[in-house]
């Protein structure tokens, strides 16, 4: 009977030890999975920060481009207005040029008596 009680105690101790070992292994797996998940979350947060800074840079560049376009549009409008206000002088005809040359020189003209 003593022998059977010892074997029962050993069997119960083995079962308890096995249950504790299983619980510890699962706990270790859960902790490692939690650690891996935390690392992934940190990496994702870093990637989100990087993307946010890139988005901010793109928004700033977009604002600068819009400002540049506005200044260029204003310059174009000013040039159009200046173009409209320019008066075109009519070109002198050949006869006017000939008369002008003759007027400045005494050649070709006869003096009046």
Protein backbone atom coordinates (compact mmCIF):
# COMPACT_ATOMS: atom_id res chain seq x y z
CA UNK A 1 0.00 0.00 0.00
CA UNK A 2 2.83 2.29 0.81
CA UNK A 3 4.29 1.55 -2.56
CA UNK A 4 1.06 2.34 -4.34
CA UNK A 5 0.71 5.64 -2.41
CA UNK A 6 4.22 6.60 -3.47
CA UNK A 7 3.48 5.86 -7.10
CA UNK A 8 0.24 7.88 -6.85
CA UNK A 9 2.13 10.82 -5.30
CA UNK A 10 4.80 10.60 -7.98
CA UNK A 11 2.10 10.44 -10.66
CA UNK A 12 0.26 13.47 -9.17
CA UNK A 13 3.56 15.35 -8.81
CA UNK A 14 4.35 14.57 -12.45
CA UNK A 15 0.94 15.85 -13.57
CA UNK A 16 1.32 19.04 -11.51
CA UNK A 17 4.86 19.56 -12.84
CA UNK A 18 3.64 19.03 -16.40
CA UNK A 19 0.78 21.51 -15.93
CA UNK A 20 3.17 24.10 -14.47
CA UNK A 21 5.63 23.50 -17.32
CA UNK A 22 2.86 23.95 -19.92
CA UNK A 23 1.67 27.16 -18.23
CA UNK A 24 5.23 28.53 -18.11
CA UNK A 25 5.85 27.69 -21.78
CA UNK A 26 2.62 29.35 -22.86
CA UNK A 27 3.44 32.36 -20.70
CA UNK A 28 6.89 32.56 -22.32
CA UNK A 29 5.33 32.37 -25.79
CA UNK A 30 2.79 35.05 -24.91
CA UNK A 31 5.54 37.32 -23.57
CA UNK A 32 7.66 36.85 -26.67
CA UNK A 33 4.64 37.51 -28.90
CA UNK A 34 3.88 40.66 -26.90
CA UNK A 35 7.49 41.80 -27.27
CA UNK A 36 7.40 41.16 -31.03
CA UNK A 37 4.11 43.03 -31.29
CA UNK A 38 5.54 45.96 -29.33
CA UNK A 39 8.51 46.13 -31.70
CA UNK A 40 6.17 46.08 -34.71
CA UNK A 41 4.04 48.84 -33.17
CA UNK A 42 7.14 50.96 -32.55
CA UNK A 43 8.28 50.44 -36.15
CA UNK A 44 4.83 51.40 -37.44
CA UNK A 45 4.79 54.51 -35.27
CA UNK A 46 8.21 55.52 -36.64
CA UNK A 47 7.02 54.97 -40.21
CA UNK A 48 3.92 57.07 -39.49
CA UNK A 49 6.12 59.89 -38.17
CA UNK A 50 8.32 59.71 -41.28
CA UNK A 51 5.30 59.81 -43.58
CA UNK A 52 3.81 62.72 -41.62
CA UNK A 53 7.01 64.74 -42.03
CA UNK A 54 7.01 63.95 -45.76
CA UNK A 55 3.38 65.05 -45.99
CA UNK A 56 4.23 68.30 -44.20
CA UNK A 57 7.10 68.90 -46.64
CA UNK A 58 4.81 68.27 -49.60
CA UNK A 59 2.21 70.66 -48.20
CA UNK A 60 4.88 73.37 -47.75
CA UNK A 61 6.13 72.82 -51.29
CA UNK A 62 2.57 73.02 -52.59
CA UNK A 63 2.03 76.34 -50.82
CA UNK A 64 5.30 77.70 -52.25
CA UNK A 65 4.30 76.60 -55.76
CA UNK A 66 0.90 78.26 -55.37
CA UNK A 67 2.57 81.49 -54.25
CA UNK A 68 5.00 81.31 -57.19
CA UNK A 69 2.11 80.78 -59.60
CA UNK A 70 0.26 83.77 -58.17
CA UNK A 71 3.31 86.02 -58.55
CA UNK A 72 3.84 84.80 -62.10
CA UNK A 73 0.17 85.43 -62.92
CA UNK A 74 0.50 88.96 -61.56
CA UNK A 75 3.61 89.50 -63.67
CA UNK A 76 1.78 88.24 -66.75
CA UNK A 77 -1.15 90.56 -66.05
CA UNK A 78 1.23 93.51 -65.65
CA UNK A 79 2.91 92.63 -68.94
CA UNK A 80 -0.47 92.39 -70.68
CA UNK A 81 -1.44 95.80 -69.32
CA UNK A 82 1.91 97.25 -70.40
CA UNK A 83 1.45 95.71 -73.84
CA UNK A 84 -1.97 97.32 -74.17
CA UNK A 85 -0.63 100.75 -73.20
CA UNK A 86 2.27 100.75 -75.65
CA UNK A 87 1.63 103.07 -78.57
CA UNK A 88 2.91 101.88 -81.87
CA UNK A 89 4.47 104.59 -83.98
CA UNK A 90 3.68 104.43 -87.61
CA UNK A 91 6.68 103.77 -89.76
CA UNK A 92 7.80 106.61 -92.02
CA UNK A 93 7.23 106.10 -95.66
CA UNK A 94 10.01 106.23 -98.21
CA UNK A 95 8.82 109.59 -99.45
CA UNK A 96 8.96 111.07 -95.95
CA UNK A 97 12.45 109.72 -95.49
CA UNK A 98 13.55 111.16 -98.86
CA UNK A 99 12.10 114.54 -98.00
CA UNK A 100 13.77 114.49 -94.60
CA UNK A 101 17.15 113.70 -96.13
CA UNK A 102 16.79 116.41 -98.73
CA UNK A 103 15.73 118.88 -96.09
CA UNK A 104 18.84 118.22 -94.05
CA UNK A 105 21.15 118.43 -97.00
CA UNK A 106 21.33 121.00 -99.72
CA UNK A 107 21.73 118.50 -102.48
CA UNK A 108 19.01 118.13 -104.92
CA UNK A 109 17.39 121.43 -104.18
CA UNK A 110 17.71 124.42 -106.26
CA UNK A 111 17.92 127.73 -104.59
CA UNK A 112 15.16 130.13 -105.28
CA UNK A 113 16.10 133.32 -107.01
